[in-house]
Amino acid sequence: MNNEREDVKKFILRKLVRKRMWLHKHTSIHNLPKGLPEFLRSGKEVKKAIEELLKKGLLLSKPTNYGLEISLNIREKAKIERLIESN
């Protein structure tokens, strides 16, 4: 279960890095699980993975009147890149 969560974290971070979602460029929290297999998307692993990434400070959140927006924390760029590169 925890290994799946680590895979989900890496998927989310890779996706945001690929789309260059740093600092003031953000996306809806509902877009993060898109592209994951259905069995991972429907579970609570995605929600828990996002919460852990926010808690660690790797992701930044921006509340808006239409929902929560997410971006990568530029101050943690080196750490994010190390996580993505690790197997």
PDB file of N, CA and C in Angstrom:
ATOM      1  N   MET A   1       0.829  -1.194   0.000  1.00  0.00           N
ATOM      2  CA  MET A   1       0.000   0.000   0.000  1.00  0.00           C
ATOM      3  C   MET A   1       0.870   1.254   0.000  1.00  0.00           C
ATOM      4  N   ASN A   2       1.883   1.273   0.865  1.00  0.00           N
ATOM      5  CA  ASN A   2       2.742   2.446   0.963  1.00  0.00           C
ATOM      6  C   ASN A   2       3.587   2.610  -0.297  1.00  0.00           C
ATOM      7  N   ASN A   3       3.983   1.479  -0.910  1.00  0.00           N
ATOM      8  CA  ASN A   3       4.750   1.533  -2.142  1.00  0.00           C
ATOM      9  C   ASN A   3       3.923   2.169  -3.263  1.00  0.00           C
ATOM     10  N   GLU A   4       2.622   1.861  -3.301  1.00  0.00           N
ATOM     11  CA  GLU A   4       1.734   2.480  -4.281  1.00  0.00           C
ATOM     12  C   GLU A   4       1.689   3.983  -4.072  1.00  0.00           C
ATOM     13  N   ARG A   5       1.649   4.408  -2.821  1.00  0.00           N
ATOM     14  CA  ARG A   5       1.596   5.834  -2.515  1.00  0.00           C
ATOM     15  C   ARG A   5       2.868   6.536  -2.992  1.00  0.00           C
ATOM     16  N   GLU A   6       4.021   5.875  -2.823  1.00  0.00           N
ATOM     17  CA  GLU A   6       5.276   6.456  -3.297  1.00  0.00           C
ATOM     18  C   GLU A   6       5.263   6.581  -4.823  1.00  0.00           C
ATOM     19  N   ASP A   7       4.709   5.593  -5.504  1.00  0.00           N
ATOM     20  CA  ASP A   7       4.593   5.656  -6.961  1.00  0.00           C
ATOM     21  C   ASP A   7       3.680   6.801  -7.378  1.00  0.00           C
ATOM     22  N   VAL A   8       2.596   6.993  -6.649  1.00  0.00           N
ATOM     23  CA  VAL A   8       1.657   8.082  -6.947  1.00  0.00           C
ATOM     24  C   VAL A   8       2.344   9.424  -6.733  1.00  0.00           C
ATOM     25  N   LYS A   9       3.125   9.548  -5.667  1.00  0.00           N
ATOM     26  CA  LYS A   9       3.854  10.798  -5.398  1.00  0.00           C
ATOM     27  C   LYS A   9       4.797  11.123  -6.547  1.00  0.00           C
ATOM     28  N   LYS A  10       5.566  10.113  -6.981  1.00  0.00           N
ATOM     29  CA  LYS A  10       6.506  10.319  -8.082  1.00  0.00           C
ATOM     30  C   LYS A  10       5.763  10.705  -9.360  1.00  0.00           C
ATOM     31  N   PHE A  11       4.625  10.046  -9.616  1.00  0.00           N
ATOM     32  CA  PHE A  11       3.836  10.364 -10.799  1.00  0.00           C
ATOM     33  C   PHE A  11       3.385  11.822 -10.772  1.00  0.00           C
ATOM     34  N   ILE A  12       2.870  12.268  -9.633  1.00  0.00           N
ATOM     35  CA  ILE A  12       2.379  13.639  -9.500  1.00  0.00           C
ATOM     36  C   ILE A  12       3.521  14.633  -9.678  1.00  0.00           C
ATOM     37  N   LEU A  13       4.646  14.386  -9.024  1.00  0.00           N
ATOM     38  CA  LEU A  13       5.781  15.299  -9.134  1.00  0.00           C
ATOM     39  C   LEU A  13       6.317  15.350 -10.565  1.00  0.00           C
ATOM     40  N   ARG A  14       6.439  14.175 -11.208  1.00  0.00           N
ATOM     41  CA  ARG A  14       6.918  14.143 -12.602  1.00  0.00           C
ATOM     42  C   ARG A  14       5.980  14.930 -13.515  1.00  0.00           C
ATOM     43  N   LYS A  15       4.689  14.735 -13.306  1.00  0.00           N
ATOM     44  CA  LYS A  15       3.695  15.414 -14.134  1.00  0.00           C
ATOM     45  C   LYS A  15       3.807  16.927 -13.989  1.00  0.00           C
ATOM     46  N   LEU A  16       3.912  17.400 -12.755  1.00  0.00           N
ATOM     47  CA  LEU A  16       3.993  18.837 -12.518  1.00  0.00           C
ATOM     48  C   LEU A  16       5.307  19.424 -13.029  1.00  0.00           C
ATOM     49  N   VAL A  17       6.415  18.685 -12.898  1.00  0.00           N
ATOM     50  CA  VAL A  17       7.700  19.157 -13.410  1.00  0.00           C
ATOM     51  C   VAL A  17       7.641  19.224 -14.938  1.00  0.00           C
ATOM     52  N   ARG A  18       7.088  18.195 -15.554  1.00  0.00           N
ATOM     53  CA  ARG A  18       6.984  18.152 -17.013  1.00  0.00           C
ATOM     54  C   ARG A  18       6.156  19.331 -17.548  1.00  0.00           C
ATOM     55  N   LYS A  19       5.121  19.705 -16.801  1.00  0.00           N
ATOM     56  CA  LYS A  19       4.263  20.827 -17.211  1.00  0.00           C
ATOM     57  C   LYS A  19       4.754  22.172 -16.680  1.00  0.00           C
ATOM     58  N   ARG A  20       5.909  22.159 -15.993  1.00  0.00           N
ATOM     59  CA  ARG A  20       6.545  23.367 -15.456  1.00  0.00           C
ATOM     60  C   ARG A  20       5.608  24.147 -14.526  1.00  0.00           C
ATOM     61  N   MET A  21       5.013  23.447 -13.596  1.00  0.00           N
ATOM     62  CA  MET A  21       4.081  24.062 -12.641  1.00  0.00           C
ATOM     63  C   MET A  21       4.821  24.538 -11.390  1.00  0.00           C
ATOM     64  N   TRP A  22       5.713  25.507 -11.557  1.00  0.00           N
ATOM     65  CA  TRP A  22       6.488  26.048 -10.449  1.00  0.00           C
ATOM     66  C   TRP A  22       5.855  27.356  -9.976  1.00  0.00           C
ATOM     67  N   LEU A  23       5.843  27.583  -8.683  1.00  0.00           N
ATOM     68  CA  LEU A  23       5.402  28.815  -8.038  1.00  0.00           C
ATOM     69  C   LEU A  23       4.049  29.339  -8.502  1.00  0.00           C
ATOM     70  N   HIS A  24       4.041  30.363  -9.351  1.00  0.00           N
ATOM     71  CA  HIS A  24       2.801  31.053  -9.675  1.00  0.00           C
ATOM     72  C   HIS A  24       2.012  30.414 -10.813  1.00  0.00           C
ATOM     73  N   LYS A  25       2.520  29.330 -11.344  1.00  0.00           N
ATOM     74  CA  LYS A  25       1.764  28.590 -12.357  1.00  0.00           C
ATOM     75  C   LYS A  25       1.190  27.369 -11.652  1.00  0.00           C
ATOM     76  N   HIS A  26      -0.127  27.269 -11.576  1.00  0.00           N
ATOM     77  CA  HIS A  26      -0.735  26.159 -10.845  1.00  0.00           C
ATOM     78  C   HIS A  26      -1.817  25.481 -11.653  1.00  0.00           C
ATOM     79  N   THR A  27      -2.235  24.350 -11.130  1.00  0.00           N
ATOM     80  CA  THR A  27      -3.293  23.558 -11.737  1.00  0.00           C
ATOM     81  C   THR A  27      -4.242  23.095 -10.647  1.00  0.00           C
ATOM     82  N   SER A  28      -5.434  22.739 -11.048  1.00  0.00           N
ATOM     83  CA  SER A  28      -6.432  22.272 -10.085  1.00  0.00           C
ATOM     84  C   SER A  28      -5.979  20.955  -9.451  1.00  0.00           C
ATOM     85  N   ILE A  29      -6.321  20.791  -8.206  1.00  0.00           N
ATOM     86  CA  ILE A  29      -5.985  19.554  -7.494  1.00  0.00           C
ATOM     87  C   ILE A  29      -6.681  18.356  -8.146  1.00  0.00           C
ATOM     88  N   HIS A  30      -7.780  18.608  -8.841  1.00  0.00           N
ATOM     89  CA  HIS A  30      -8.523  17.525  -9.502  1.00  0.00           C
ATOM     90  C   HIS A  30      -7.822  17.028 -10.762  1.00  0.00           C
ATOM     91  N   ASN A  31      -6.854  17.776 -11.276  1.00  0.00           N
ATOM     92  CA  ASN A  31      -6.116  17.349 -12.470  1.00  0.00           C
ATOM     93  C   ASN A  31      -4.963  16.409 -12.137  1.00  0.00           C
ATOM     94  N   LEU A  32      -4.544  16.357 -10.878  1.00  0.00           N
ATOM     95  CA  LEU A  32      -3.360  15.571 -10.522  1.00  0.00           C
ATOM     96  C   LEU A  32      -3.500  14.073 -10.776  1.00  0.00           C
ATOM     97  N   PRO A  33      -4.634  13.438 -10.445  1.00  0.00           N
ATOM     98  CA  PRO A  33      -4.713  11.985 -10.677  1.00  0.00           C
ATOM     99  C   PRO A  33      -4.951  11.588 -12.135  1.00  0.00           C
ATOM    100  N   LYS A  34      -5.235  12.544 -13.010  1.00  0.00           N
ATOM    101  CA  LYS A  34      -5.476  12.196 -14.413  1.00  0.00           C
ATOM    102  C   LYS A  34      -4.222  11.585 -15.011  1.00  0.00           C
ATOM    103  N   GLY A  35      -4.397  10.446 -15.653  1.00  0.00           N
ATOM    104  CA  GLY A  35      -3.273   9.735 -16.250  1.00  0.00           C
ATOM    105  C   GLY A  35      -2.851   8.523 -15.440  1.00  0.00           C
ATOM    106  N   LEU A  36      -3.312   8.434 -14.207  1.00  0.00           N
ATOM    107  CA  LEU A  36      -3.023   7.261 -13.377  1.00  0.00           C
ATOM    108  C   LEU A  36      -3.962   6.126 -13.755  1.00  0.00           C
ATOM    109  N   PRO A  37      -3.556   4.864 -13.537  1.00  0.00           N
ATOM    110  CA  PRO A  37      -4.475   3.747 -13.767  1.00  0.00           C
ATOM    111  C   PRO A  37      -5.716   3.879 -12.870  1.00  0.00           C
ATOM    112  N   GLU A  38      -6.814   3.367 -13.338  1.00  0.00           N
ATOM    113  CA  GLU A  38      -8.100   3.512 -12.640  1.00  0.00           C
ATOM    114  C   GLU A  38      -8.056   2.978 -11.212  1.00  0.00           C
ATOM    115  N   PHE A  39      -7.374   1.853 -10.985  1.00  0.00           N
ATOM    116  CA  PHE A  39      -7.347   1.274  -9.640  1.00  0.00           C
ATOM    117  C   PHE A  39      -6.619   2.168  -8.640  1.00  0.00           C
ATOM    118  N   LEU A  40      -5.712   3.015  -9.103  1.00  0.00           N
ATOM    119  CA  LEU A  40      -5.035   3.958  -8.210  1.00  0.00           C
ATOM    120  C   LEU A  40      -5.833   5.247  -8.056  1.00  0.00           C
ATOM    121  N   ARG A  41      -6.479   5.670  -9.126  1.00  0.00           N
ATOM    122  CA  ARG A  41      -7.241   6.915  -9.102  1.00  0.00           C
ATOM    123  C   ARG A  41      -8.431   6.845  -8.171  1.00  0.00           C
ATOM    124  N   SER A  42      -9.086   5.696  -8.131  1.00  0.00           N
ATOM    125  CA  SER A  42     -10.326   5.577  -7.363  1.00  0.00           C
ATOM    126  C   SER A  42     -10.078   5.423  -5.863  1.00  0.00           C
ATOM    127  N   GLY A  43      -8.885   5.012  -5.474  1.00  0.00           N
ATOM    128  CA  GLY A  43      -8.584   4.801  -4.057  1.00  0.00           C
ATOM    129  C   GLY A  43      -8.237   6.090  -3.343  1.00  0.00           C
ATOM    130  N   LYS A  44      -7.917   5.956  -2.080  1.00  0.00           N
ATOM    131  CA  LYS A  44      -7.559   7.115  -1.266  1.00  0.00           C
ATOM    132  C   LYS A  44      -6.068   7.408  -1.317  1.00  0.00           C
ATOM    133  N   GLU A  45      -5.322   6.605  -2.068  1.00  0.00           N
ATOM    134  CA  GLU A  45      -3.874   6.781  -2.142  1.00  0.00           C
ATOM    135  C   GLU A  45      -3.494   8.129  -2.732  1.00  0.00           C
ATOM    136  N   VAL A  46      -4.245   8.591  -3.729  1.00  0.00           N
ATOM    137  CA  VAL A  46      -3.937   9.877  -4.366  1.00  0.00           C
ATOM    138  C   VAL A  46      -4.113  11.005  -3.358  1.00  0.00           C
ATOM    139  N   LYS A  47      -5.218  10.981  -2.641  1.00  0.00           N
ATOM    140  CA  LYS A  47      -5.487  12.036  -1.659  1.00  0.00           C
ATOM    141  C   LYS A  47      -4.419  12.048  -0.569  1.00  0.00           C
ATOM    142  N   LYS A  48      -4.056  10.874  -0.077  1.00  0.00           N
ATOM    143  CA  LYS A  48      -3.039  10.784   0.965  1.00  0.00           C
ATOM    144  C   LYS A  48      -1.668  11.224   0.443  1.00  0.00           C
ATOM    145  N   ALA A  49      -1.360  10.859  -0.796  1.00  0.00           N
ATOM    146  CA  ALA A  49      -0.073  11.248  -1.396  1.00  0.00           C
ATOM    147  C   ALA A  49       0.007  12.765  -1.522  1.00  0.00           C
ATOM    148  N   ILE A  50      -1.065  13.396  -1.978  1.00  0.00           N
ATOM    149  CA  ILE A  50      -1.084  14.857  -2.118  1.00  0.00           C
ATOM    150  C   ILE A  50      -0.932  15.522  -0.760  1.00  0.00           C
ATOM    151  N   GLU A  51      -1.644  15.012   0.245  1.00  0.00           N
ATOM    152  CA  GLU A  51      -1.536  15.570   1.600  1.00  0.00           C
ATOM    153  C   GLU A  51      -0.109  15.477   2.125  1.00  0.00           C
ATOM    154  N   GLU A  52       0.560  14.342   1.881  1.00  0.00           N
ATOM    155  CA  GLU A  52       1.937  14.167   2.348  1.00  0.00           C
ATOM    156  C   GLU A  52       2.895  15.113   1.625  1.00  0.00           C
ATOM    157  N   LEU A  53       2.702  15.302   0.323  1.00  0.00           N
ATOM    158  CA  LEU A  53       3.560  16.214  -0.439  1.00  0.00           C
ATOM    159  C   LEU A  53       3.366  17.663   0.020  1.00  0.00           C
ATOM    160  N   LEU A  54       2.132  18.016   0.347  1.00  0.00           N
ATOM    161  CA  LEU A  54       1.860  19.358   0.871  1.00  0.00           C
ATOM    162  C   LEU A  54       2.502  19.528   2.250  1.00  0.00           C
ATOM    163  N   LYS A  55       2.398  18.499   3.077  1.00  0.00           N
ATOM    164  CA  LYS A  55       2.950  18.551   4.434  1.00  0.00           C
ATOM    165  C   LYS A  55       4.476  18.672   4.413  1.00  0.00           C
ATOM    166  N   LYS A  56       5.116  17.969   3.462  1.00  0.00           N
ATOM    167  CA  LYS A  56       6.578  18.034   3.326  1.00  0.00           C
ATOM    168  C   LYS A  56       7.044  19.351   2.714  1.00  0.00           C
ATOM    169  N   GLY A  57       6.114  20.113   2.138  1.00  0.00           N
ATOM    170  CA  GLY A  57       6.468  21.389   1.536  1.00  0.00           C
ATOM    171  C   GLY A  57       6.924  21.282   0.094  1.00  0.00           C
ATOM    172  N   LEU A  58       6.748  20.121  -0.521  1.00  0.00           N
ATOM    173  CA  LEU A  58       7.139  19.953  -1.918  1.00  0.00           C
ATOM    174  C   LEU A  58       6.105  20.580  -2.848  1.00  0.00           C
ATOM    175  N   LEU A  59       4.855  20.574  -2.418  1.00  0.00           N
ATOM    176  CA  LEU A  59       3.782  21.215  -3.175  1.00  0.00           C
ATOM    177  C   LEU A  59       3.286  22.423  -2.405  1.00  0.00           C
ATOM    178  N   LEU A  60       2.840  23.418  -3.146  1.00  0.00           N
ATOM    179  CA  LEU A  60       2.224  24.601  -2.557  1.00  0.00           C
ATOM    180  C   LEU A  60       0.757  24.614  -2.955  1.00  0.00           C
ATOM    181  N   SER A  61      -0.093  25.067  -2.052  1.00  0.00           N
ATOM    182  CA  SER A  61      -1.517  25.142  -2.362  1.00  0.00           C
ATOM    183  C   SER A  61      -1.965  26.590  -2.396  1.00  0.00           C
ATOM    184  N   LYS A  62      -2.939  26.846  -3.234  1.00  0.00           N
ATOM    185  CA  LYS A  62      -3.509  28.179  -3.349  1.00  0.00           C
ATOM    186  C   LYS A  62      -5.026  28.030  -3.388  1.00  0.00           C
ATOM    187  N   PRO A  63      -5.699  28.390  -2.301  1.00  0.00           N
ATOM    188  CA  PRO A  63      -7.159  28.296  -2.322  1.00  0.00           C
ATOM    189  C   PRO A  63      -7.751  29.383  -3.218  1.00  0.00           C
ATOM    190  N   THR A  64      -8.711  29.014  -4.041  1.00  0.00           N
ATOM    191  CA  THR A  64      -9.405  29.970  -4.887  1.00  0.00           C
ATOM    192  C   THR A  64     -10.902  29.790  -4.677  1.00  0.00           C
ATOM    193  N   ASN A  65     -11.689  30.691  -5.244  1.00  0.00           N
ATOM    194  CA  ASN A  65     -13.133  30.569  -5.077  1.00  0.00           C
ATOM    195  C   ASN A  65     -13.699  29.405  -5.887  1.00  0.00           C
ATOM    196  N   TYR A  66     -12.930  28.827  -6.799  1.00  0.00           N
ATOM    197  CA  TYR A  66     -13.404  27.699  -7.603  1.00  0.00           C
ATOM    198  C   TYR A  66     -12.696  26.389  -7.259  1.00  0.00           C
ATOM    199  N   GLY A  67     -11.899  26.370  -6.189  1.00  0.00           N
ATOM    200  CA  GLY A  67     -11.251  25.138  -5.758  1.00  0.00           C
ATOM    201  C   GLY A  67      -9.792  25.347  -5.419  1.00  0.00           C
ATOM    202  N   LEU A  68      -9.158  24.289  -4.980  1.00  0.00           N
ATOM    203  CA  LEU A  68      -7.764  24.351  -4.563  1.00  0.00           C
ATOM    204  C   LEU A  68      -6.845  24.180  -5.768  1.00  0.00           C
ATOM    205  N   GLU A  69      -5.848  25.039  -5.877  1.00  0.00           N
ATOM    206  CA  GLU A  69      -4.862  24.988  -6.943  1.00  0.00           C
ATOM    207  C   GLU A  69      -3.525  24.549  -6.342  1.00  0.00           C
ATOM    208  N   ILE A  70      -2.733  23.812  -7.123  1.00  0.00           N
ATOM    209  CA  ILE A  70      -1.484  23.224  -6.654  1.00  0.00           C
ATOM    210  C   ILE A  70      -0.336  23.627  -7.582  1.00  0.00           C
ATOM    211  N   SER A  71       0.838  23.893  -6.988  1.00  0.00           N
ATOM    212  CA  SER A  71       2.054  24.134  -7.766  1.00  0.00           C
ATOM    213  C   SER A  71       3.243  23.539  -7.019  1.00  0.00           C
ATOM    214  N   LEU A  72       4.377  23.452  -7.686  1.00  0.00           N
ATOM    215  CA  LEU A  72       5.603  22.940  -7.076  1.00  0.00           C
ATOM    216  C   LEU A  72       6.315  24.057  -6.323  1.00  0.00           C
ATOM    217  N   ASN A  73       6.964  23.700  -5.228  1.00  0.00           N
ATOM    218  CA  ASN A  73       7.718  24.656  -4.427  1.00  0.00           C
ATOM    219  C   ASN A  73       9.127  24.773  -5.017  1.00  0.00           C
ATOM    220  N   ILE A  74       9.438  25.943  -5.559  1.00  0.00           N
ATOM    221  CA  ILE A  74      10.738  26.151  -6.224  1.00  0.00           C
ATOM    222  C   ILE A  74      11.896  26.034  -5.233  1.00  0.00           C
ATOM    223  N   ARG A  75      11.651  26.311  -3.970  1.00  0.00           N
ATOM    224  CA  ARG A  75      12.702  26.205  -2.951  1.00  0.00           C
ATOM    225  C   ARG A  75      13.117  24.761  -2.692  1.00  0.00           C
ATOM    226  N   GLU A  76      12.269  23.825  -3.080  1.00  0.00           N
ATOM    227  CA  GLU A  76      12.547  22.393  -2.888  1.00  0.00           C
ATOM    228  C   GLU A  76      12.879  21.704  -4.213  1.00  0.00           C
ATOM    229  N   LYS A  77      13.321  22.482  -5.198  1.00  0.00           N
ATOM    230  CA  LYS A  77      13.560  21.935  -6.542  1.00  0.00           C
ATOM    231  C   LYS A  77      14.559  20.780  -6.532  1.00  0.00           C
ATOM    232  N   ALA A  78      15.662  20.924  -5.826  1.00  0.00           N
ATOM    233  CA  ALA A  78      16.679  19.869  -5.788  1.00  0.00           C
ATOM    234  C   ALA A  78      16.114  18.586  -5.172  1.00  0.00           C
ATOM    235  N   LYS A  79      15.363  18.730  -4.100  1.00  0.00           N
ATOM    236  CA  LYS A  79      14.766  17.571  -3.429  1.00  0.00           C
ATOM    237  C   LYS A  79      13.749  16.885  -4.344  1.00  0.00           C
ATOM    238  N   ILE A  80      12.940  17.675  -5.034  1.00  0.00           N
ATOM    239  CA  ILE A  80      11.936  17.131  -5.952  1.00  0.00           C
ATOM    240  C   ILE A  80      12.625  16.357  -7.073  1.00  0.00           C
ATOM    241  N   GLU A  81      13.680  16.923  -7.636  1.00  0.00           N
ATOM    242  CA  GLU A  81      14.394  16.250  -8.722  1.00  0.00           C
ATOM    243  C   GLU A  81      15.046  14.957  -8.245  1.00  0.00           C
ATOM    244  N   ARG A  82      15.565  14.942  -7.012  1.00  0.00           N
ATOM    245  CA  ARG A  82      16.140  13.704  -6.464  1.00  0.00           C
ATOM    246  C   ARG A  82      15.069  12.634  -6.302  1.00  0.00           C
ATOM    247  N   LEU A  83      13.892  13.019  -5.820  1.00  0.00           N
ATOM    248  CA  LEU A  83      12.799  12.060  -5.649  1.00  0.00           C
ATOM    249  C   LEU A  83      12.356  11.475  -6.979  1.00  0.00           C
ATOM    250  N   ILE A  84      12.284  12.315  -7.981  1.00  0.00           N
ATOM    251  CA  ILE A  84      11.848  11.853  -9.308  1.00  0.00           C
ATOM    252  C   ILE A  84      12.865  10.884  -9.903  1.00  0.00           C
ATOM    253  N   GLU A  85      14.156  11.167  -9.714  1.00  0.00           N
ATOM    254  CA  GLU A  85      15.211  10.339 -10.300  1.00  0.00           C
ATOM    255  C   GLU A  85      15.393   9.011  -9.576  1.00  0.00           C
ATOM    256  N   SER A  86      15.029   8.949  -8.294  1.00  0.00           N
ATOM    257  CA  SER A  86      15.237   7.705  -7.533  1.00  0.00           C
ATOM    258  C   SER A  86      14.287   6.623  -8.006  1.00  0.00           C
ATOM    259  N   ASN A  87      14.733   5.386  -7.895  1.00  0.00           N
ATOM    260  CA  ASN A  87      13.902   4.259  -8.334  1.00  0.00           C
ATOM    261  C   ASN A  87      13.010   3.876  -7.240  1.00  0.00           C
TER     262      ASN A  87
END
